[in-house]
Amino acid sequence: DSVQGRFAISRNNAKNTVYLQLNSLKPEDTDAYFCNTHNQAVRARLMG
């Protein structure tokens, strides 16, 4: 919710790449950003 309207996710399957466009950045957006597949993220949560 806090990024909707400011960030945009996209992908180019021919390049095996996913993107995140960050616009109108705020200080509270300061973080380490990670990408992952949905399945690997779920597995990571389940495995702690």
All heavy atoms as atom14 arrays in JSON, in Angstrom:
{
  "sequence": "DSVQGRFAISRNNAKNTVYLQLNSLKPEDTDAYFCNTHNQAVRARLMG",
  "atom14_mask": [
    [1, 1, 1, 1, 1, 1, 1, 1, 0, 0, 0, 0, 0, 0],
    [1, 1, 1, 1, 1, 1, 0, 0, 0, 0, 0, 0, 0, 0],
    [1, 1, 1, 1, 1, 1, 1, 0, 0, 0, 0, 0, 0, 0],
    [1, 1, 1, 1, 1, 1, 1, 1, 1, 0, 0, 0, 0, 0],
    [1, 1, 1, 1, 0, 0, 0, 0, 0, 0, 0, 0, 0, 0],
    [1, 1, 1, 1, 1, 1, 1, 1, 1, 1, 1, 0, 0, 0],
    [1, 1, 1, 1, 1, 1, 1, 1, 1, 1, 1, 0, 0, 0],
    [1, 1, 1, 1, 1, 0, 0, 0, 0, 0, 0, 0, 0, 0],
    [1, 1, 1, 1, 1, 1, 1, 1, 0, 0, 0, 0, 0, 0],
    [1, 1, 1, 1, 1, 1, 0, 0, 0, 0, 0, 0, 0, 0],
    [1, 1, 1, 1, 1, 1, 1, 1, 1, 1, 1, 0, 0, 0],
    [1, 1, 1, 1, 1, 1, 1, 1, 0, 0, 0, 0, 0, 0],
    [1, 1, 1, 1, 1, 1, 1, 1, 0, 0, 0, 0, 0, 0],
    [1, 1, 1, 1, 1, 0, 0, 0, 0, 0, 0, 0, 0, 0],
    [1, 1, 1, 1, 1, 1, 1, 1, 1, 0, 0, 0, 0, 0],
    [1, 1, 1, 1, 1, 1, 1, 1, 0, 0, 0, 0, 0, 0],
    [1, 1, 1, 1, 1, 1, 1, 0, 0, 0, 0, 0, 0, 0],
    [1, 1, 1, 1, 1, 1, 1, 0, 0, 0, 0, 0, 0, 0],
    [1, 1, 1, 1, 1, 1, 1, 1, 1, 1, 1, 1, 0, 0],
    [1, 1, 1, 1, 1, 1, 1, 1, 0, 0, 0, 0, 0, 0],
    [1, 1, 1, 1, 1, 1, 1, 1, 1, 0, 0, 0, 0, 0],
    [1, 1, 1, 1, 1, 1, 1, 1, 0, 0, 0, 0, 0, 0],
    [1, 1, 1, 1, 1, 1, 1, 1, 0, 0, 0, 0, 0, 0],
    [1, 1, 1, 1, 1, 1, 0, 0, 0, 0, 0, 0, 0, 0],
    [1, 1, 1, 1, 1, 1, 1, 1, 0, 0, 0, 0, 0, 0],
    [1, 1, 1, 1, 1, 1, 1, 1, 1, 0, 0, 0, 0, 0],
    [1, 1, 1, 1, 1, 1, 1, 0, 0, 0, 0, 0, 0, 0],
    [1, 1, 1, 1, 1, 1, 1, 1, 1, 0, 0, 0, 0, 0],
    [1, 1, 1, 1, 1, 1, 1, 1, 0, 0, 0, 0, 0, 0],
    [1, 1, 1, 1, 1, 1, 1, 0, 0, 0, 0, 0, 0, 0],
    [1, 1, 1, 1, 1, 1, 1, 1, 0, 0, 0, 0, 0, 0],
    [1, 1, 1, 1, 1, 0, 0, 0, 0, 0, 0, 0, 0, 0],
    [1, 1, 1, 1, 1, 1, 1, 1, 1, 1, 1, 1, 0, 0],
    [1, 1, 1, 1, 1, 1, 1, 1, 1, 1, 1, 0, 0, 0],
    [1, 1, 1, 1, 1, 1, 0, 0, 0, 0, 0, 0, 0, 0],
    [1, 1, 1, 1, 1, 1, 1, 1, 0, 0, 0, 0, 0, 0],
    [1, 1, 1, 1, 1, 1, 1, 0, 0, 0, 0, 0, 0, 0],
    [1, 1, 1, 1, 1, 1, 1, 1, 1, 1, 0, 0, 0, 0],
    [1, 1, 1, 1, 1, 1, 1, 1, 0, 0, 0, 0, 0, 0],
    [1, 1, 1, 1, 1, 1, 1, 1, 1, 0, 0, 0, 0, 0],
    [1, 1, 1, 1, 1, 0, 0, 0, 0, 0, 0, 0, 0, 0],
    [1, 1, 1, 1, 1, 1, 1, 0, 0, 0, 0, 0, 0, 0],
    [1, 1, 1, 1, 1, 1, 1, 1, 1, 1, 1, 0, 0, 0],
    [1, 1, 1, 1, 1, 0, 0, 0, 0, 0, 0, 0, 0, 0],
    [1, 1, 1, 1, 1, 1, 1, 1, 1, 1, 1, 0, 0, 0],
    [1, 1, 1, 1, 1, 1, 1, 1, 0, 0, 0, 0, 0, 0],
    [1, 1, 1, 1, 1, 1, 1, 1, 0, 0, 0, 0, 0, 0],
    [1, 1, 1, 1, 0, 0, 0, 0, 0, 0, 0, 0, 0, 0]
  ],
  "atom14_positions": [
    [[0.81, -1.21, 0.0], [0.0, 0.0, 0.0], [0.85, 1.27, 0.0], [0.52, 2.25, -0.69], [-0.93, 0.01, 1.21], [-2.11, -0.92, 1.05], [-2.37, -1.38, -0.08], [-2.79, -1.17, 2.06], [0.0, 0.0, 0.0], [0.0, 0.0, 0.0], [0.0, 0.0, 0.0], [0.0, 0.0, 0.0], [0.0, 0.0, 0.0], [0.0, 0.0, 0.0]],
    [[1.93, 1.27, 0.74], [2.74, 2.46, 0.88], [3.52, 2.82, -0.38], [4.03, 3.94, -0.48], [3.7, 2.32, 2.06], [4.59, 1.24, 1.88], [0.0, 0.0, 0.0], [0.0, 0.0, 0.0], [0.0, 0.0, 0.0], [0.0, 0.0, 0.0], [0.0, 0.0, 0.0], [0.0, 0.0, 0.0], [0.0, 0.0, 0.0], [0.0, 0.0, 0.0]],
    [[3.63, 1.91, -1.34], [4.36, 2.19, -2.57], [3.46, 2.23, -3.79], [3.92, 2.64, -4.87], [5.5, 1.17, -2.81], [6.37, 1.02, -1.57], [4.94, -0.19, -3.23], [0.0, 0.0, 0.0], [0.0, 0.0, 0.0], [0.0, 0.0, 0.0], [0.0, 0.0, 0.0], [0.0, 0.0, 0.0], [0.0, 0.0, 0.0], [0.0, 0.0, 0.0]],
    [[2.22, 1.83, -3.66], [1.31, 1.81, -4.79], [1.16, 3.21, -5.38], [0.95, 4.18, -4.66], [-0.05, 1.25, -4.39], [-0.98, 0.99, -5.56], [-2.15, 0.1, -5.18], [-2.26, -0.35, -4.04], [-3.02, -0.15, -6.13], [0.0, 0.0, 0.0], [0.0, 0.0, 0.0], [0.0, 0.0, 0.0], [0.0, 0.0, 0.0], [0.0, 0.0, 0.0]],
    [[1.27, 3.29, -6.69], [1.22, 4.56, -7.38], [2.58, 5.2, -7.56], [2.71, 6.13, -8.36], [0.0, 0.0, 0.0], [0.0, 0.0, 0.0], [0.0, 0.0, 0.0], [0.0, 0.0, 0.0], [0.0, 0.0, 0.0], [0.0, 0.0, 0.0], [0.0, 0.0, 0.0], [0.0, 0.0, 0.0], [0.0, 0.0, 0.0], [0.0, 0.0, 0.0]],
    [[3.58, 4.71, -6.83], [4.93, 5.26, -6.94], [5.91, 4.26, -7.55], [6.84, 4.65, -8.25], [5.46, 5.69, -5.57], [4.63, 6.78, -4.91], [5.31, 7.32, -3.66], [5.46, 6.29, -2.63], [6.64, 5.86, -2.16], [7.77, 6.38, -2.63], [6.68, 4.92, -1.22], [0.0, 0.0, 0.0], [0.0, 0.0, 0.0], [0.0, 0.0, 0.0]],
    [[5.72, 2.97, -7.26], [6.6, 1.92, -7.77], [5.9, 1.14, -8.86], [4.66, 1.04, -8.88], [7.01, 0.95, -6.66], [7.89, 1.53, -5.59], [8.21, 2.87, -5.55], [8.42, 0.69, -4.61], [9.02, 3.39, -4.56], [9.24, 1.19, -3.62], [9.54, 2.54, -3.59], [0.0, 0.0, 0.0], [0.0, 0.0, 0.0], [0.0, 0.0, 0.0]],
    [[6.68, 0.56, -9.77], [6.12, -0.26, -10.84], [7.02, -1.47, -11.07], [8.22, -1.32, -11.28], [5.97, 0.54, -12.12], [0.0, 0.0, 0.0], [0.0, 0.0, 0.0], [0.0, 0.0, 0.0], [0.0, 0.0, 0.0], [0.0, 0.0, 0.0], [0.0, 0.0, 0.0], [0.0, 0.0, 0.0], [0.0, 0.0, 0.0], [0.0, 0.0, 0.0]],
    [[6.43, -2.65, -11.02], [7.16, -3.88, -11.3], [6.89, -4.3, -12.73], [5.78, -4.15, -13.24], [6.77, -5.0, -10.3], [7.69, -6.21, -10.45], [5.31, -5.39, -10.45], [7.5, -7.25, -9.34], [0.0, 0.0, 0.0], [0.0, 0.0, 0.0], [0.0, 0.0, 0.0], [0.0, 0.0, 0.0], [0.0, 0.0, 0.0], [0.0, 0.0, 0.0]],
    [[7.91, -4.81, -13.4], [7.78, -5.27, -14.77], [8.77, -6.4, -15.01], [9.64, -6.66, -14.18], [7.99, -4.13, -15.77], [9.31, -3.61, -15.66], [0.0, 0.0, 0.0], [0.0, 0.0, 0.0], [0.0, 0.0, 0.0], [0.0, 0.0, 0.0], [0.0, 0.0, 0.0], [0.0, 0.0, 0.0], [0.0, 0.0, 0.0], [0.0, 0.0, 0.0]],
    [[8.63, -7.06, -16.15], [9.55, -8.15, -16.47], [9.77, -8.23, -17.97], [8.92, -7.84, -18.77], [9.02, -9.48, -15.93], [7.75, -9.99, -16.6], [7.14, -11.15, -15.81], [8.03, -12.29, -15.73], [7.96, -13.24, -14.79], [7.04, -13.16, -13.83], [8.81, -14.26, -14.82], [0.0, 0.0, 0.0], [0.0, 0.0, 0.0], [0.0, 0.0, 0.0]],
    [[10.93, -8.75, -18.33], [11.27, -9.04, -19.71], [11.72, -10.5, -19.74], [12.85, -10.82, -19.39], [12.37, -8.12, -20.22], [12.64, -8.29, -21.7], [12.47, -9.37, -22.26], [13.06, -7.22, -22.36], [0.0, 0.0, 0.0], [0.0, 0.0, 0.0], [0.0, 0.0, 0.0], [0.0, 0.0, 0.0], [0.0, 0.0, 0.0], [0.0, 0.0, 0.0]],
    [[10.82, -11.38, -20.13], [11.12, -12.8, -20.08], [12.21, -13.2, -21.06], [12.94, -14.16, -20.82], [9.85, -13.61, -20.34], [8.88, -13.58, -19.19], [9.26, -13.25, -18.06], [7.62, -13.92, -19.45], [0.0, 0.0, 0.0], [0.0, 0.0, 0.0], [0.0, 0.0, 0.0], [0.0, 0.0, 0.0], [0.0, 0.0, 0.0], [0.0, 0.0, 0.0]],
    [[12.34, -12.49, -22.15], [13.41, -12.78, -23.11], [14.78, -12.53, -22.51], [15.76, -13.14, -22.93], [13.22, -11.95, -24.38], [0.0, 0.0, 0.0], [0.0, 0.0, 0.0], [0.0, 0.0, 0.0], [0.0, 0.0, 0.0], [0.0, 0.0, 0.0], [0.0, 0.0, 0.0], [0.0, 0.0, 0.0], [0.0, 0.0, 0.0], [0.0, 0.0, 0.0]],
    [[14.85, -11.62, -21.53], [16.11, -11.31, -20.86], [16.23, -11.94, -19.49], [17.2, -11.68, -18.78], [16.28, -9.79, -20.75], [16.41, -9.08, -22.08], [16.64, -7.59, -21.87], [16.83, -6.88, -23.19], [17.08, -5.43, -23.0], [0.0, 0.0, 0.0], [0.0, 0.0, 0.0], [0.0, 0.0, 0.0], [0.0, 0.0, 0.0], [0.0, 0.0, 0.0]],
    [[15.25, -12.75, -19.08], [15.24, -13.37, -17.76], [15.43, -12.33, -16.65], [16.17, -12.55, -15.69], [16.34, -14.43, -17.66], [15.91, -15.79, -18.19], [15.01, -15.89, -19.02], [16.56, -16.84, -17.71], [0.0, 0.0, 0.0], [0.0, 0.0, 0.0], [0.0, 0.0, 0.0], [0.0, 0.0, 0.0], [0.0, 0.0, 0.0], [0.0, 0.0, 0.0]],
    [[14.74, -11.21, -16.78], [14.95, -10.1, -15.87], [13.63, -9.52, -15.38], [12.68, -9.38, -16.17], [15.78, -8.99, -16.54], [17.02, -9.54, -16.99], [16.06, -7.85, -15.57], [0.0, 0.0, 0.0], [0.0, 0.0, 0.0], [0.0, 0.0, 0.0], [0.0, 0.0, 0.0], [0.0, 0.0, 0.0], [0.0, 0.0, 0.0], [0.0, 0.0, 0.0]],
    [[13.59, -9.2, -14.09], [12.47, -8.48, -13.51], [12.99, -7.14, -13.0], [14.13, -7.05, -12.54], [11.78, -9.3, -12.39], [12.74, -9.57, -11.24], [10.52, -8.6, -11.9], [0.0, 0.0, 0.0], [0.0, 0.0, 0.0], [0.0, 0.0, 0.0], [0.0, 0.0, 0.0], [0.0, 0.0, 0.0], [0.0, 0.0, 0.0], [0.0, 0.0, 0.0]],
    [[12.16, -6.11, -13.1], [12.55, -4.75, -12.76], [11.62, -4.17, -11.71], [10.46, -4.57, -11.6], [12.52, -3.84, -13.98], [13.29, -4.34, -15.17], [12.66, -5.12, -16.14], [14.63, -4.04, -15.34], [13.36, -5.59, -17.24], [15.33, -4.5, -16.43], [14.69, -5.27, -17.38], [15.39, -5.74, -18.47], [0.0, 0.0, 0.0], [0.0, 0.0, 0.0]],
    [[12.14, -3.24, -10.96], [11.32, -2.43, -10.08], [11.68, -0.97, -10.3], [12.82, -0.57, -10.05], [11.52, -2.8, -8.6], [10.59, -2.1, -7.62], [9.15, -2.56, -7.81], [11.03, -2.34, -6.18], [0.0, 0.0, 0.0], [0.0, 0.0, 0.0], [0.0, 0.0, 0.0], [0.0, 0.0, 0.0], [0.0, 0.0, 0.0], [0.0, 0.0, 0.0]],
    [[10.72, -0.2, -10.8], [10.9, 1.22, -10.99], [10.4, 1.94, -9.75], [9.23, 1.8, -9.38], [10.14, 1.7, -12.23], [10.25, 3.19, -12.51], [11.63, 3.61, -12.94], [12.26, 2.93, -13.75], [12.12, 4.71, -12.39], [0.0, 0.0, 0.0], [0.0, 0.0, 0.0], [0.0, 0.0, 0.0], [0.0, 0.0, 0.0], [0.0, 0.0, 0.0]],
    [[11.27, 2.68, -9.11], [10.95, 3.4, -7.89], [10.88, 4.89, -8.22], [11.89, 5.48, -8.61], [11.98, 3.16, -6.79], [12.15, 1.73, -6.25], [12.92, 0.85, -7.23], [12.89, 1.78, -4.91], [0.0, 0.0, 0.0], [0.0, 0.0, 0.0], [0.0, 0.0, 0.0], [0.0, 0.0, 0.0], [0.0, 0.0, 0.0], [0.0, 0.0, 0.0]],
    [[9.72, 5.48, -8.05], [9.52, 6.9, -8.33], [9.07, 7.62, -7.07], [8.57, 7.01, -6.12], [8.47, 7.1, -9.42], [8.84, 6.44, -10.73], [9.97, 6.59, -11.21], [7.9, 5.72, -11.33], [0.0, 0.0, 0.0], [0.0, 0.0, 0.0], [0.0, 0.0, 0.0], [0.0, 0.0, 0.0], [0.0, 0.0, 0.0], [0.0, 0.0, 0.0]],
    [[9.22, 8.94, -7.08], [8.79, 9.78, -5.96], [9.29, 9.22, -4.64], [8.54, 9.07, -3.67], [7.26, 9.91, -5.95], [6.78, 10.45, -7.16], [0.0, 0.0, 0.0], [0.0, 0.0, 0.0], [0.0, 0.0, 0.0], [0.0, 0.0, 0.0], [0.0, 0.0, 0.0], [0.0, 0.0, 0.0], [0.0, 0.0, 0.0], [0.0, 0.0, 0.0]],
    [[10.56, 8.92, -4.59], [11.14, 8.24, -3.44], [11.09, 9.09, -2.19], [11.26, 10.31, -2.23], [12.57, 7.82, -3.74], [12.68, 6.58, -4.64], [14.06, 6.48, -5.25], [12.36, 5.33, -3.83], [0.0, 0.0, 0.0], [0.0, 0.0, 0.0], [0.0, 0.0, 0.0], [0.0, 0.0, 0.0], [0.0, 0.0, 0.0], [0.0, 0.0, 0.0]],
    [[10.86, 8.42, -1.07], [10.78, 9.04, 0.24], [11.86, 8.46, 1.14], [12.3, 7.34, 0.93], [9.4, 8.79, 0.86], [8.23, 9.24, 0.01], [6.92, 8.83, 0.65], [5.73, 9.25, -0.19], [4.44, 8.82, 0.43], [0.0, 0.0, 0.0], [0.0, 0.0, 0.0], [0.0, 0.0, 0.0], [0.0, 0.0, 0.0], [0.0, 0.0, 0.0]],
    [[12.27, 9.19, 2.18], [13.27, 8.64, 3.09], [12.88, 7.3, 3.69], [13.75, 6.46, 3.92], [13.39, 9.72, 4.17], [13.04, 10.98, 3.46], [11.97, 10.6, 2.48], [0.0, 0.0, 0.0], [0.0, 0.0, 0.0], [0.0, 0.0, 0.0], [0.0, 0.0, 0.0], [0.0, 0.0, 0.0], [0.0, 0.0, 0.0], [0.0, 0.0, 0.0]],
    [[11.59, 7.07, 3.91], [11.15, 5.81, 4.47], [11.27, 4.64, 3.51], [11.06, 3.49, 3.9], [9.7, 5.91, 4.99], [8.72, 6.45, 3.97], [8.45, 7.93, 4.16], [9.41, 8.68, 4.4], [7.27, 8.33, 4.07], [0.0, 0.0, 0.0], [0.0, 0.0, 0.0], [0.0, 0.0, 0.0], [0.0, 0.0, 0.0], [0.0, 0.0, 0.0]],
    [[11.59, 4.91, 2.24], [11.87, 3.84, 1.29], [13.29, 3.3, 1.42], [13.65, 2.34, 0.73], [11.66, 4.33, -0.15], [10.21, 4.7, -0.44], [9.31, 3.96, -0.01], [10.0, 5.73, -1.12], [0.0, 0.0, 0.0], [0.0, 0.0, 0.0], [0.0, 0.0, 0.0], [0.0, 0.0, 0.0], [0.0, 0.0, 0.0], [0.0, 0.0, 0.0]],
    [[14.09, 3.89, 2.28], [15.46, 3.45, 2.49], [15.47, 2.05, 3.08], [14.97, 1.83, 4.18], [16.21, 4.42, 3.41], [16.32, 5.7, 2.78], [17.6, 3.9, 3.72], [0.0, 0.0, 0.0], [0.0, 0.0, 0.0], [0.0, 0.0, 0.0], [0.0, 0.0, 0.0], [0.0, 0.0, 0.0], [0.0, 0.0, 0.0], [0.0, 0.0, 0.0]],
    [[16.03, 1.11, 2.33], [16.03, -0.29, 2.72], [16.98, -1.06, 1.81], [17.42, -0.54, 0.78], [14.63, -0.92, 2.58], [13.74, -0.7, 3.78], [14.19, -0.95, 4.92], [12.58, -0.31, 3.58], [0.0, 0.0, 0.0], [0.0, 0.0, 0.0], [0.0, 0.0, 0.0], [0.0, 0.0, 0.0], [0.0, 0.0, 0.0], [0.0, 0.0, 0.0]],
    [[17.26, -2.29, 2.19], [17.88, -3.25, 1.28], [16.77, -3.93, 0.51], [15.81, -4.44, 1.11], [18.72, -4.27, 2.04], [0.0, 0.0, 0.0], [0.0, 0.0, 0.0], [0.0, 0.0, 0.0], [0.0, 0.0, 0.0], [0.0, 0.0, 0.0], [0.0, 0.0, 0.0], [0.0, 0.0, 0.0], [0.0, 0.0, 0.0], [0.0, 0.0, 0.0]],
    [[16.88, -3.94, -0.82], [15.85, -4.52, -1.67], [16.34, -5.84, -2.25], [17.49, -5.96, -2.68], [15.48, -3.55, -2.8], [14.64, -2.39, -2.34], [15.18, -1.37, -1.58], [13.28, -2.32, -2.66], [14.41, -0.31, -1.13], [12.5, -1.26, -2.22], [13.07, -0.26, -1.46], [12.28, 0.8, -1.03], [0.0, 0.0, 0.0], [0.0, 0.0, 0.0]],
    [[15.44, -6.82, -2.29], [15.76, -8.17, -2.75], [14.72, -8.62, -3.77], [13.56, -8.24, -3.69], [15.74, -9.18, -1.59], [16.62, -8.82, -0.43], [16.18, -7.95, 0.54], [17.87, -9.39, -0.31], [16.98, -7.63, 1.63], [18.68, -9.08, 0.77], [18.23, -8.2, 1.74], [0.0, 0.0, 0.0], [0.0, 0.0, 0.0], [0.0, 0.0, 0.0]],
    [[15.14, -9.46, -4.7], [14.19, -10.14, -5.56], [14.24, -11.63, -5.27], [15.23, -12.15, -4.75], [14.47, -9.87, -7.04], [15.99, -10.62, -7.69], [0.0, 0.0, 0.0], [0.0, 0.0, 0.0], [0.0, 0.0, 0.0], [0.0, 0.0, 0.0], [0.0, 0.0, 0.0], [0.0, 0.0, 0.0], [0.0, 0.0, 0.0], [0.0, 0.0, 0.0]],
    [[13.15, -12.31, -5.59], [13.08, -13.75, -5.39], [11.89, -14.29, -6.16], [10.96, -13.55, -6.49], [12.94, -14.09, -3.91], [13.55, -15.43, -3.56], [13.87, -16.25, -4.42], [13.73, -15.68, -2.27], [0.0, 0.0, 0.0], [0.0, 0.0, 0.0], [0.0, 0.0, 0.0], [0.0, 0.0, 0.0], [0.0, 0.0, 0.0], [0.0, 0.0, 0.0]],
    [[11.93, -15.58, -6.45], [10.73, -16.22, -6.98], [9.74, -16.4, -5.84], [10.12, -16.49, -4.67], [11.04, -17.58, -7.62], [11.35, -18.54, -6.6], [12.19, -17.48, -8.6], [0.0, 0.0, 0.0], [0.0, 0.0, 0.0], [0.0, 0.0, 0.0], [0.0, 0.0, 0.0], [0.0, 0.0, 0.0], [0.0, 0.0, 0.0], [0.0, 0.0, 0.0]],
    [[8.48, -16.44, -6.17], [7.46, -16.66, -5.16], [7.7, -17.97, -4.42], [7.64, -18.01, -3.19], [6.08, -16.66, -5.8], [4.98, -17.1, -4.89], [4.5, -16.3, -3.86], [4.27, -18.26, -4.83], [3.54, -16.94, -3.22], [3.38, -18.14, -3.78], [0.0, 0.0, 0.0], [0.0, 0.0, 0.0], [0.0, 0.0, 0.0], [0.0, 0.0, 0.0]],
    [[8.0, -19.03, -5.15], [8.18, -20.33, -4.51], [9.37, -20.34, -3.57], [9.29, -20.91, -2.47], [8.33, -21.42, -5.57], [7.02, -21.75, -6.24], [5.94, -21.4, -5.75], [7.09, -22.44, -7.38], [0.0, 0.0, 0.0], [0.0, 0.0, 0.0], [0.0, 0.0, 0.0], [0.0, 0.0, 0.0], [0.0, 0.0, 0.0], [0.0, 0.0, 0.0]],
    [[10.48, -19.73, -3.97], [11.65, -19.71, -3.1], [11.4, -18.84, -1.87], [11.88, -19.16, -0.78], [12.88, -19.22, -3.87], [13.39, -20.24, -4.88], [14.63, -19.8, -5.62], [15.25, -20.61, -6.31], [15.01, -18.54, -5.5], [0.0, 0.0, 0.0], [0.0, 0.0, 0.0], [0.0, 0.0, 0.0], [0.0, 0.0, 0.0], [0.0, 0.0, 0.0]],
    [[10.67, -17.76, -2.02], [10.35, -16.92, -0.88], [9.48, -17.65, 0.12], [9.69, -17.57, 1.34], [9.67, -15.63, -1.34], [0.0, 0.0, 0.0], [0.0, 0.0, 0.0], [0.0, 0.0, 0.0], [0.0, 0.0, 0.0], [0.0, 0.0, 0.0], [0.0, 0.0, 0.0], [0.0, 0.0, 0.0], [0.0, 0.0, 0.0], [0.0, 0.0, 0.0]],
    [[8.48, -18.38, -0.36], [7.63, -19.16, 0.52], [8.44, -20.23, 1.24], [8.29, -20.44, 2.44], [6.47, -19.79, -0.27], [5.72, -20.81, 0.59], [5.51, -18.71, -0.75], [0.0, 0.0, 0.0], [0.0, 0.0, 0.0], [0.0, 0.0, 0.0], [0.0, 0.0, 0.0], [0.0, 0.0, 0.0], [0.0, 0.0, 0.0], [0.0, 0.0, 0.0]],
    [[9.28, -20.92, 0.51], [10.12, -21.95, 1.11], [11.03, -21.37, 2.19], [11.21, -21.96, 3.25], [10.94, -22.66, 0.04], [11.74, -23.84, 0.59], [12.26, -24.73, -0.52], [13.22, -24.05, -1.36], [13.0, -23.7, -2.61], [11.83, -23.97, -3.18], [13.94, -23.08, -3.3], [0.0, 0.0, 0.0], [0.0, 0.0, 0.0], [0.0, 0.0, 0.0]],
    [[11.59, -20.19, 1.93], [12.45, -19.54, 2.91], [11.69, -19.23, 4.19], [12.2, -19.42, 5.3], [13.06, -18.27, 2.32], [0.0, 0.0, 0.0], [0.0, 0.0, 0.0], [0.0, 0.0, 0.0], [0.0, 0.0, 0.0], [0.0, 0.0, 0.0], [0.0, 0.0, 0.0], [0.0, 0.0, 0.0], [0.0, 0.0, 0.0], [0.0, 0.0, 0.0]],
    [[10.46, -18.73, 4.06], [9.65, -18.45, 5.25], [9.36, -19.72, 6.03], [9.47, -19.74, 7.26], [8.34, -17.76, 4.86], [8.48, -16.34, 4.35], [7.16, -15.6, 4.43], [6.1, -16.28, 3.69], [5.82, -16.06, 2.41], [6.54, -15.19, 1.71], [4.82, -16.72, 1.82], [0.0, 0.0, 0.0], [0.0, 0.0, 0.0], [0.0, 0.0, 0.0]],
    [[8.99, -20.78, 5.34], [8.66, -22.03, 6.0], [9.87, -22.64, 6.69], [9.73, -23.28, 7.74], [8.07, -23.02, 5.0], [6.7, -22.64, 4.42], [6.3, -23.63, 3.35], [5.64, -22.59, 5.51], [0.0, 0.0, 0.0], [0.0, 0.0, 0.0], [0.0, 0.0, 0.0], [0.0, 0.0, 0.0], [0.0, 0.0, 0.0], [0.0, 0.0, 0.0]],
    [[11.05, -22.45, 6.11], [12.27, -23.01, 6.66], [12.92, -22.09, 7.69], [13.92, -22.48, 8.3], [13.27, -23.31, 5.55], [12.79, -24.37, 4.56], [12.67, -26.01, 5.3], [14.39, -26.37, 5.62], [0.0, 0.0, 0.0], [0.0, 0.0, 0.0], [0.0, 0.0, 0.0], [0.0, 0.0, 0.0], [0.0, 0.0, 0.0], [0.0, 0.0, 0.0]],
    [[12.39, -20.9, 7.89], [12.99, -19.96, 8.81], [14.32, -19.41, 8.33], [15.17, -19.06, 9.15], [0.0, 0.0, 0.0], [0.0, 0.0, 0.0], [0.0, 0.0, 0.0], [0.0, 0.0, 0.0], [0.0, 0.0, 0.0], [0.0, 0.0, 0.0], [0.0, 0.0, 0.0], [0.0, 0.0, 0.0], [0.0, 0.0, 0.0], [0.0, 0.0, 0.0]]
  ]
}
